[in-house]
């Protein structure tokens, strides 16, 4: 059914249709019987899909990546589609509108998206309050945190601390986002010294609590092998839990879309990222000798794509652009495939 209505949805601005569809989903879930219908249609419940990762128990290994539900507006509704975990954000200390519109573009010929959203979100206080009122039902929730656009890089660690402290009691794990290409200068924080400072500071705060939260680092696919070597060293030195590989790319190689689309600034996601994200996962897994957790994301549009990420070394996977192009049934198809091959 989704493939029938997708051509209609794709006639409209991507950001506007996102708000229209998610608003409709929220309204539909208030109707008696809709939640049960979604559960019966999309969810695959089987103990063989469960994963013990990061000291947490995931119902299945298929999650929703950050960016889709920035403000934790739809966690309960999206969970009905069978996700094993949902990552909210990226969240910043203060609310910010993000970049000027239009700021999201579809590339149907490449089954891809370009976005330059710019960490638009309602701020960590609003998100934390919203998460505190959720009916979790065992759903794992990750908190993806970043810095405000106007915060200079030398003060960035204070922004990550504020988000970490405020979300600590309402999320199960954290993701430090220093790899979005849409906040000026943010990717400079991927350099060795500033990155170690952020991660070590968060780890110190983590240890002061009665319980600790797993911290992961989200990295760009555009890093060289030498930079990936640094990432392995940093993860092992700071003793964070692992890496999410990968964020969107600034590369525009081998795209079929028109020059007017390819020339849009921002991060590219979707099928053009499939191979590179898998390469990064495999490199990190082999280089680190599987010493930390890797969550694989980037260009997963089919069960085959998901399996390749897992076989490359990912313990869990996340969807975003594939969820938009293939529809919510993709989560079910991946989980059914994993059961079929007993993975």
Protein backbone atom coordinates (compact mmCIF):
# COMPACT_ATOMS: atom_id res chain seq x y z
CA UNK A 1 0.00 0.00 0.00
CA UNK A 2 2.84 2.40 0.84
CA UNK A 3 4.32 1.97 -2.65
CA UNK A 4 0.94 2.99 -4.09
CA UNK A 5 0.72 6.22 -2.13
CA UNK A 6 4.43 7.09 -2.22
CA UNK A 7 4.23 8.81 -5.66
CA UNK A 8 1.56 11.11 -4.23
CA UNK A 9 3.58 11.89 -1.09
CA UNK A 10 6.67 12.56 -3.19
CA UNK A 11 4.82 15.31 -5.08
CA UNK A 12 5.15 17.57 -2.03
CA UNK A 13 8.02 19.25 -0.20
CA UNK A 14 9.80 16.57 1.89
CA UNK A 15 9.75 18.50 5.16
CA UNK A 16 6.12 19.55 4.80
CA UNK A 17 4.96 16.03 3.95
CA UNK A 18 6.96 14.68 6.90
CA UNK A 19 5.00 16.91 9.27
CA UNK A 20 1.72 16.06 7.52
CA UNK A 21 2.28 12.29 7.72
CA UNK A 22 3.58 12.29 11.29
CA UNK A 23 0.72 14.51 12.37
CA UNK A 24 -1.70 12.08 10.75
CA UNK A 25 -0.01 9.18 12.51
CA UNK A 26 -0.38 10.91 15.85
CA UNK A 27 -4.06 11.58 15.22
CA UNK A 28 -4.74 8.05 13.95
CA UNK A 29 -3.23 6.51 17.06
CA UNK A 30 -5.94 8.17 19.15
CA UNK A 31 -8.58 6.14 17.31
CA UNK A 32 -9.62 2.92 18.99
CA UNK A 33 -8.09 -0.15 17.39
CA UNK A 34 -5.42 1.60 15.33
CA UNK A 35 -2.56 0.67 17.66
CA UNK A 36 -3.59 -2.97 17.59
CA UNK A 37 -3.87 -2.86 13.80
CA UNK A 38 -0.37 -1.42 13.44
CA UNK A 39 1.04 -3.91 15.91
CA UNK A 40 -0.50 -6.87 14.09
CA UNK A 41 0.54 -5.54 10.70
CA UNK A 42 4.13 -4.50 11.30
CA UNK A 43 5.58 -6.07 14.43
CA UNK A 44 7.52 -9.31 14.54
CA UNK A 45 7.75 -10.62 18.08
CA UNK A 46 10.15 -13.48 18.56
CA UNK A 47 12.72 -14.06 21.30
CA UNK A 48 15.26 -15.08 18.64
CA UNK A 49 15.40 -11.45 17.50
CA UNK A 50 16.39 -10.17 20.93
CA UNK A 51 19.87 -8.71 21.34
CA UNK A 52 21.95 -8.02 24.45
CA UNK A 53 24.05 -5.02 23.43
CA UNK A 54 25.50 -2.13 25.46
CA UNK A 55 24.23 -3.87 28.59
CA UNK A 56 20.69 -3.35 27.29
CA UNK A 57 18.07 -5.77 26.02
CA UNK A 58 16.76 -4.89 22.56
CA UNK A 59 13.55 -6.53 21.27
CA UNK A 60 15.17 -6.72 17.84
CA UNK A 61 18.25 -5.19 16.17
CA UNK A 62 16.42 -2.73 13.87
CA UNK A 63 16.26 0.85 15.12
CA UNK A 64 15.17 4.24 13.86
CA UNK A 65 18.07 6.64 13.37
CA UNK A 66 18.22 10.15 14.79
CA UNK A 67 16.74 12.92 12.70
CA UNK A 68 13.31 11.43 12.07
CA UNK A 69 11.90 12.25 15.51
CA UNK A 70 14.04 15.17 16.62
CA UNK A 71 11.83 16.26 19.50
CA UNK A 72 10.56 12.89 20.79
CA UNK A 73 7.08 13.75 19.52
CA UNK A 74 6.30 10.31 18.11
CA UNK A 75 8.25 7.71 20.06
CA UNK A 76 5.21 5.65 21.08
CA UNK A 77 3.62 5.88 17.63
CA UNK A 78 6.79 4.95 15.77
CA UNK A 79 7.36 2.02 18.11
CA UNK A 80 4.17 0.47 16.70
CA UNK A 81 6.03 -0.12 13.42
CA UNK A 82 8.19 -2.75 15.11
CA UNK A 83 11.44 -0.91 15.81
CA UNK A 84 13.65 -2.44 18.48
CA UNK A 85 14.90 0.98 19.51
CA UNK A 86 14.42 4.65 18.62
CA UNK A 87 17.00 7.40 18.69
CA UNK A 88 15.71 10.93 19.20
CA UNK A 89 17.44 14.19 18.33
CA UNK A 90 19.83 15.64 17.53
CA UNK A 91 18.99 17.71 20.64
CA UNK A 92 20.80 20.91 21.63
CA UNK A 93 20.71 22.78 24.96
CA UNK A 94 18.68 25.70 23.59
CA UNK A 95 15.89 25.58 21.01
CA UNK A 96 16.95 26.58 17.53
CA UNK A 97 15.09 26.89 14.22
CA UNK A 98 17.78 25.32 12.05
CA UNK A 99 18.72 26.49 8.59
CA UNK A 100 16.49 28.35 6.16
CA UNK A 101 13.95 26.41 4.10
CA UNK A 102 13.94 24.59 1.77
CA UNK A 103 16.47 22.37 3.52
CA UNK A 104 15.57 18.83 2.50
CA UNK A 105 15.61 17.42 -1.03
CA UNK A 106 14.67 14.06 -2.53
CA UNK A 107 16.83 12.44 -5.19
CA UNK A 108 14.49 9.69 -6.45
CA UNK A 109 16.85 8.60 -9.23
CA UNK A 110 19.38 7.73 -6.53
CA UNK A 111 16.90 6.75 -3.80
CA UNK A 112 18.55 9.35 -1.63
CA UNK A 113 17.97 12.52 0.37
CA UNK A 114 20.02 15.65 0.89
CA UNK A 115 19.33 17.59 4.06
CA UNK A 116 20.78 20.69 5.65
CA UNK A 117 18.33 20.88 8.54
CA UNK A 118 20.86 22.33 10.98
CA UNK A 119 19.84 20.68 14.28
CA UNK A 120 16.38 22.26 14.32
CA UNK A 121 14.83 21.21 17.64
CA UNK A 122 12.82 22.48 20.59
CA UNK A 123 15.70 22.29 23.07
CA UNK A 124 16.72 19.72 25.64
CA UNK A 125 14.29 20.82 28.37
CA UNK A 126 11.22 20.27 26.20
CA UNK A 127 12.52 16.93 24.93
CA UNK A 128 13.46 15.68 28.40
CA UNK A 129 10.04 16.57 29.81
CA UNK A 130 8.33 14.81 26.91
CA UNK A 131 10.41 11.66 27.35
CA UNK A 132 9.69 11.59 31.08
CA UNK A 133 5.97 11.14 30.33
CA UNK A 134 6.35 8.25 27.86
CA UNK A 135 4.93 4.79 28.31
CA UNK A 136 8.14 2.99 27.39
CA UNK A 137 6.95 -0.66 27.43
CA UNK A 138 10.53 -1.89 27.31
CA UNK A 139 11.46 0.21 24.27
CA UNK A 140 15.10 1.31 24.20
CA UNK A 141 15.53 5.05 23.57
CA UNK A 142 18.76 6.74 22.56
CA UNK A 143 19.54 10.41 22.96
CA UNK A 144 21.53 12.02 20.15
CA UNK A 145 23.14 15.23 21.43
CA UNK A 146 24.86 18.16 19.76
CA UNK A 147 25.88 21.76 20.24
CA UNK A 148 23.97 24.92 19.42
CA UNK A 149 25.00 26.67 16.21
CA UNK A 150 26.07 29.83 18.06
CA UNK A 151 28.22 28.00 20.59
CA UNK A 152 31.90 28.34 19.62
CA UNK A 153 33.79 25.08 19.26
CA UNK A 154 36.03 25.91 22.21
CA UNK A 155 32.90 25.94 24.40
CA UNK A 156 31.21 22.96 22.73
CA UNK A 157 31.86 20.58 25.62
CA UNK A 158 29.55 22.64 27.86
CA UNK A 159 26.66 22.09 25.41
CA UNK A 160 27.22 18.33 25.39
CA UNK A 161 27.35 18.32 29.21
CA UNK A 162 24.04 20.20 29.46
CA UNK A 163 22.29 17.75 27.14
CA UNK A 164 23.89 14.75 28.85
CA UNK A 165 22.83 15.84 32.33
CA UNK A 166 19.30 16.80 31.33
CA UNK A 167 18.58 13.60 29.38
CA UNK A 168 20.41 11.20 31.68
CA UNK A 169 17.30 9.91 33.48
CA UNK A 170 15.11 9.57 30.37
CA UNK A 171 17.27 7.81 27.76
CA UNK A 172 19.06 4.46 27.73
CA UNK A 173 22.15 5.46 25.76
CA UNK A 174 23.77 8.59 24.36
CA UNK A 175 25.16 9.45 20.94
CA UNK A 176 27.64 12.31 20.59
CA UNK A 177 27.05 13.92 17.22
CA UNK A 178 30.11 15.79 15.93
CA UNK A 179 29.70 14.60 12.34
CA UNK A 180 26.73 16.47 10.89
CA UNK A 181 27.84 18.62 7.94
CA UNK A 182 25.02 21.11 8.54
CA UNK A 183 26.33 23.04 11.55
CA UNK A 184 29.28 25.26 10.60
CA UNK A 185 32.54 23.99 12.05
CA UNK A 186 30.98 21.01 13.83
CA UNK A 187 33.04 18.38 12.00
CA UNK A 188 36.20 20.05 13.30
CA UNK A 189 35.26 18.47 16.64
CA UNK A 190 36.06 15.07 15.09
CA UNK A 191 39.74 15.99 15.35
CA UNK A 192 41.60 14.00 17.96
CA UNK A 193 42.11 16.47 20.82
CA UNK A 194 38.72 18.23 20.91
CA UNK A 195 36.95 14.89 20.52
CA UNK A 196 38.90 13.30 23.37
CA UNK A 197 38.06 16.30 25.55
CA UNK A 198 34.32 15.94 24.94
CA UNK A 199 34.25 12.19 25.42
CA UNK A 200 36.49 12.14 28.50
CA UNK A 201 34.43 14.89 30.12
CA UNK A 202 31.18 13.01 29.52
CA UNK A 203 32.71 9.79 30.81
CA UNK A 204 33.80 11.55 34.00
CA UNK A 205 30.25 12.73 34.59
CA UNK A 206 28.97 9.27 33.70
CA UNK A 207 31.07 7.70 36.46
CA UNK A 208 29.68 10.06 39.10
CA UNK A 209 26.19 8.57 38.77
CA UNK A 210 24.94 5.45 40.52
CA UNK A 211 24.36 3.95 37.08
CA UNK A 212 26.15 4.83 33.85
CA UNK A 213 24.79 5.23 30.35
CA UNK A 214 26.52 3.82 27.27
CA UNK A 215 28.02 6.61 25.17
CA UNK A 216 28.53 6.19 21.43
CA UNK A 217 30.16 8.43 18.87
CA UNK A 218 28.49 9.10 15.52
CA UNK A 219 31.07 9.49 12.77
CA UNK A 220 31.09 10.71 9.18
CA UNK A 221 31.58 8.36 6.22
CA UNK A 222 34.05 10.83 4.74
CA UNK A 223 36.88 10.02 7.17
CA UNK A 224 40.10 8.58 5.78
CA UNK A 225 41.54 5.30 7.06
CA UNK A 226 44.06 7.30 9.07
CA UNK A 227 41.23 9.24 10.69
CA UNK A 228 39.35 6.01 11.34
CA UNK A 229 42.49 4.69 13.05
CA UNK A 230 42.31 7.75 15.30
CA UNK A 231 38.65 6.99 16.03
CA UNK A 232 39.54 3.45 17.12
CA UNK A 233 42.28 4.81 19.38
CA UNK A 234 39.98 7.47 20.86
CA UNK A 235 37.16 5.00 21.56
CA UNK A 236 39.53 2.60 23.27
CA UNK A 237 41.30 5.34 25.23
CA UNK A 238 38.13 7.08 26.46
CA UNK A 239 36.41 3.73 27.03
CA UNK A 240 33.13 4.85 25.50
CA UNK A 241 30.78 2.05 24.43
CA UNK A 242 31.11 2.30 20.67
CA UNK A 243 30.45 4.01 17.36
CA UNK A 244 27.51 4.71 15.05
CA UNK A 245 28.71 4.39 11.47
CA UNK A 246 27.79 6.46 9.62
CA UNK A 247 26.25 9.91 9.38
CA UNK A 248 25.45 11.57 6.04
CA UNK A 249 28.13 12.26 3.43
CA UNK A 250 29.24 15.43 1.67
CA UNK A 251 30.34 13.36 -1.34
CA UNK A 252 28.32 13.55 -4.56
CA UNK A 253 30.15 10.86 -6.52
CA UNK A 254 28.30 8.68 -9.06
CA UNK A 255 24.89 10.26 -8.57
CA UNK A 256 22.31 9.98 -11.36
CA UNK A 257 20.23 12.98 -10.28
CA UNK A 258 20.24 16.35 -12.00
CA UNK A 259 22.95 18.91 -11.32
CA UNK A 260 20.39 21.17 -9.66
CA UNK A 261 19.81 18.50 -7.01
CA UNK A 262 23.41 17.34 -6.71
CA UNK A 263 24.54 20.92 -6.14
CA UNK A 264 22.40 21.34 -3.04
CA UNK A 265 24.56 21.70 0.06
CA UNK A 266 24.01 19.34 2.98
CA UNK A 267 24.42 15.72 3.93
CA UNK A 268 23.52 12.96 1.47
CA UNK A 269 21.83 9.80 2.77
CA UNK A 270 20.28 6.73 1.20
CA UNK A 271 21.47 4.16 -1.31
CA UNK A 272 24.60 6.03 -2.44
CA UNK A 273 25.88 5.55 1.11
CA UNK A 274 25.25 1.79 1.30
CA UNK A 275 28.69 0.59 0.27
CA UNK A 276 30.75 3.24 2.05
CA UNK A 277 29.00 2.87 5.40
CA UNK A 278 29.52 -0.90 5.23
CA UNK A 279 33.21 -0.35 4.41
CA UNK A 280 33.59 1.87 7.47
CA UNK A 281 31.85 -0.68 9.70
CA UNK A 282 34.10 -3.48 8.46
CA UNK A 283 37.25 -1.39 8.83
CA UNK A 284 36.42 -0.34 12.40
CA UNK A 285 35.42 -3.87 13.38
CA UNK A 286 38.60 -5.44 12.02
CA UNK A 287 40.95 -2.67 13.18
CA UNK A 288 39.56 -2.71 16.71
CA UNK A 289 39.33 -6.51 16.81
CA UNK A 290 35.66 -6.10 17.72
CA UNK A 291 36.56 -4.36 20.96
CA UNK A 292 33.56 -2.00 20.91
CA UNK A 293 29.97 -1.91 19.70
CA UNK A 294 29.15 -0.65 16.21
CA UNK A 295 25.66 0.41 15.17
CA UNK A 296 25.38 0.38 11.38
CA UNK A 297 23.39 2.99 9.48
CA UNK A 298 23.50 4.29 5.94
CA UNK A 299 21.74 3.07 2.81
CA UNK A 300 19.75 0.20 4.30
CA UNK A 301 16.87 -0.27 1.84
CA UNK A 302 16.44 -4.05 2.00
CA UNK A 303 17.00 -7.10 4.23
CA UNK A 304 20.14 -7.79 2.16
CA UNK A 305 21.54 -4.36 3.00
CA UNK A 306 20.80 -4.95 6.68
CA UNK A 307 22.49 -8.34 6.68
CA UNK A 308 25.60 -6.92 5.01
CA UNK A 309 25.94 -4.37 7.82
CA UNK A 310 25.59 -7.08 10.47
CA UNK A 311 28.05 -9.38 8.75
CA UNK A 312 30.53 -6.49 8.44
CA UNK A 313 30.56 -6.14 12.22
CA UNK A 314 27.51 -4.14 13.31
CA UNK A 315 25.64 -5.40 16.37
CA UNK A 316 22.56 -3.31 15.60
CA UNK A 317 21.34 -1.32 12.61
CA UNK A 318 19.30 1.84 12.05
CA UNK A 319 17.03 3.07 9.28
CA UNK A 320 16.16 6.54 8.07
CA UNK A 321 16.12 7.17 4.32
CA UNK A 322 15.29 3.54 3.57
CA UNK A 323 12.29 3.88 5.88
CA UNK A 324 11.09 6.81 3.76
CA UNK A 325 11.68 5.16 0.38
CA UNK A 326 10.60 1.62 1.24
CA UNK A 327 7.94 2.35 3.85
CA UNK A 328 7.34 0.98 7.36
CA UNK A 329 7.11 -2.59 6.06
CA UNK A 330 10.90 -2.57 5.71
CA UNK A 331 11.34 -3.10 9.47
CA UNK A 332 9.18 -6.22 9.34
CA UNK A 333 10.89 -7.59 6.23
CA UNK A 334 14.32 -7.24 7.83
CA UNK A 335 13.26 -8.94 11.05
CA UNK A 336 11.53 -11.74 9.15
CA UNK A 337 14.66 -12.27 7.06
CA UNK A 338 16.84 -12.44 10.16
CA UNK A 339 14.53 -15.08 11.61
CA UNK A 340 14.59 -17.03 8.35
CA UNK A 341 18.37 -17.23 8.32
CA UNK A 342 18.47 -17.54 12.13
CA UNK A 343 20.68 -14.50 12.74
